[in-house]
Amino acid sequence: MISSYKDLIVWQKSKELVIEIYKITALFPKEEMYGLSSQMRRSAVSIPSNIAEGRYRGTKKDFVNFLRIAFGSGAELETQIIIAKEIYYESSIDYLRAEKLLEEVMKMLNAMIRNINPKS
């Protein structure tokens, strides 16, 4: 039985993703602090935040809407990772764990949206 958003595996995985993104962006040059680094962190944090907010909304329709917002933030983060990899291709930054977590979270969000709202 799920009593809290913290019990949702998708929330747990997306929280892990946030931590991974913070570790990665800490390796970016300091001039990126207010650029790509900040944007990646905001996109990543948005995922578990929207899952949590949606879970505590009163209706399934609201929950699905917030899951869709989280999914959109995941797409933003995916794009930002691609850009970061191209900009910092010569660095030794390893994006693999973040990419795998993001892929897993996106699949889970997609499945949840379909299961809660089969008309989607």
Protein backbone atom coordinates (compact mmCIF):
# COMPACT_ATOMS: atom_id res chain seq x y z
CA MET A 1 0.00 0.00 0.00
CA ILE A 2 1.33 3.39 -0.98
CA SER A 3 0.66 5.98 1.70
CA SER A 4 3.15 8.64 0.63
CA TYR A 5 4.89 9.82 -2.51
CA LYS A 6 8.09 8.64 -0.79
CA ASP A 7 6.85 5.06 -1.24
CA LEU A 8 6.74 5.47 -5.03
CA ILE A 9 9.74 3.86 -6.70
CA VAL A 10 9.61 6.48 -9.44
CA TRP A 11 10.00 9.22 -6.82
CA GLN A 12 12.90 7.36 -5.18
CA LYS A 13 14.67 6.87 -8.52
CA SER A 14 14.09 10.46 -9.57
CA LYS A 15 15.56 11.65 -6.26
CA GLU A 16 18.65 9.53 -6.99
CA LEU A 17 18.78 11.19 -10.39
CA VAL A 18 18.80 14.64 -8.78
CA ILE A 19 21.76 13.67 -6.63
CA GLU A 20 23.60 12.31 -9.67
CA ILE A 21 22.94 15.51 -11.64
CA TYR A 22 24.30 17.59 -8.75
CA LYS A 23 27.46 15.46 -8.72
CA ILE A 24 27.89 15.84 -12.48
CA THR A 25 27.27 19.58 -12.59
CA ALA A 26 29.69 20.13 -9.69
CA LEU A 27 32.37 19.07 -12.19
CA PHE A 28 31.41 21.74 -14.72
CA PRO A 29 33.53 24.88 -14.99
CA LYS A 30 32.60 27.61 -12.51
CA GLU A 31 31.37 29.89 -15.30
CA GLU A 32 28.56 27.36 -15.88
CA MET A 33 27.17 27.89 -12.37
CA TYR A 34 24.34 30.12 -13.63
CA GLY A 35 24.02 28.52 -17.05
CA LEU A 36 23.65 24.92 -18.05
CA SER A 37 24.51 23.64 -14.58
CA SER A 38 21.69 25.59 -12.96
CA GLN A 39 19.21 24.59 -15.66
CA MET A 40 20.07 20.89 -15.37
CA ARG A 41 19.65 21.03 -11.60
CA ARG A 42 16.27 22.76 -11.88
CA SER A 43 15.02 20.27 -14.46
CA ALA A 44 16.18 17.33 -12.35
CA VAL A 45 14.65 18.69 -9.11
CA SER A 46 11.39 19.34 -10.93
CA ILE A 47 10.85 15.63 -11.57
CA PRO A 48 10.49 14.30 -7.98
CA SER A 49 8.94 17.62 -6.88
CA ASN A 50 6.08 17.29 -9.37
CA ILE A 51 5.58 13.63 -8.52
CA ALA A 52 5.27 14.59 -4.85
CA GLU A 53 2.93 17.51 -5.46
CA GLY A 54 0.74 15.51 -7.82
CA ARG A 55 0.49 12.61 -5.38
CA TYR A 56 -0.98 14.90 -2.74
CA ARG A 57 -3.48 16.52 -5.06
CA GLY A 58 -7.06 15.40 -4.65
CA THR A 59 -7.78 13.72 -7.96
CA LYS A 60 -6.30 11.24 -10.39
CA LYS A 61 -6.62 13.88 -13.10
CA ASP A 62 -4.40 16.26 -11.10
CA PHE A 63 -1.91 13.50 -10.38
CA VAL A 64 -1.65 12.61 -14.07
CA ASN A 65 -1.18 16.28 -14.94
CA PHE A 66 1.76 16.57 -12.52
CA LEU A 67 3.22 13.29 -13.81
CA ARG A 68 3.12 14.80 -17.30
CA ILE A 69 4.92 17.89 -16.03
CA ALA A 70 7.55 15.64 -14.45
CA PHE A 71 7.85 13.79 -17.77
CA GLY A 72 8.37 17.10 -19.57
CA SER A 73 11.10 18.04 -17.11
CA GLY A 74 12.72 14.69 -17.86
CA ALA A 75 12.71 15.53 -21.57
CA GLU A 76 14.32 18.90 -20.77
CA LEU A 77 16.99 17.17 -18.70
CA GLU A 78 17.66 14.64 -21.46
CA THR A 79 18.25 17.49 -23.91
CA GLN A 80 20.51 19.30 -21.45
CA ILE A 81 22.59 16.17 -20.89
CA ILE A 82 23.05 15.82 -24.66
CA ILE A 83 24.17 19.46 -24.88
CA ALA A 84 26.53 19.11 -21.89
CA LYS A 85 28.11 16.01 -23.41
CA GLU A 86 28.74 17.89 -26.65
CA ILE A 87 30.17 20.97 -24.92
CA TYR A 88 32.36 19.03 -22.48
CA TYR A 89 33.18 16.06 -24.72
CA GLU A 90 36.86 16.20 -23.80
CA SER A 91 36.21 16.03 -20.06
CA SER A 92 36.18 12.89 -17.98
CA ILE A 93 32.60 13.46 -16.78
CA ASP A 94 30.66 10.19 -16.73
CA TYR A 95 26.98 10.66 -17.58
CA LEU A 96 26.11 6.96 -17.79
CA ARG A 97 24.46 6.55 -14.37
CA ALA A 98 22.40 9.71 -14.84
CA GLU A 99 21.33 8.63 -18.32
CA LYS A 100 20.27 5.18 -17.09
CA LEU A 101 18.34 6.63 -14.14
CA LEU A 102 16.64 9.17 -16.41
CA GLU A 103 15.66 6.48 -18.90
CA GLU A 104 14.23 4.34 -16.09
CA VAL A 105 12.32 7.27 -14.56
CA MET A 106 10.89 8.28 -17.95
CA LYS A 107 9.65 4.73 -18.60
CA MET A 108 8.07 4.57 -15.15
CA LEU A 109 6.36 7.94 -15.57
CA ASN A 110 5.04 6.96 -18.98
CA ALA A 111 3.65 3.68 -17.60
CA MET A 112 2.07 5.44 -14.61
CA ILE A 113 0.38 8.01 -16.84
CA ARG A 114 -1.02 5.26 -19.08
CA ASN A 115 -2.17 3.13 -16.13
CA ILE A 116 -3.85 5.95 -14.23
CA ASN A 117 -5.39 7.53 -17.31
CA PRO A 118 -5.81 4.84 -20.00
CA LYS A 119 -7.40 7.39 -22.39
CA SER A 120 -4.02 9.19 -22.72
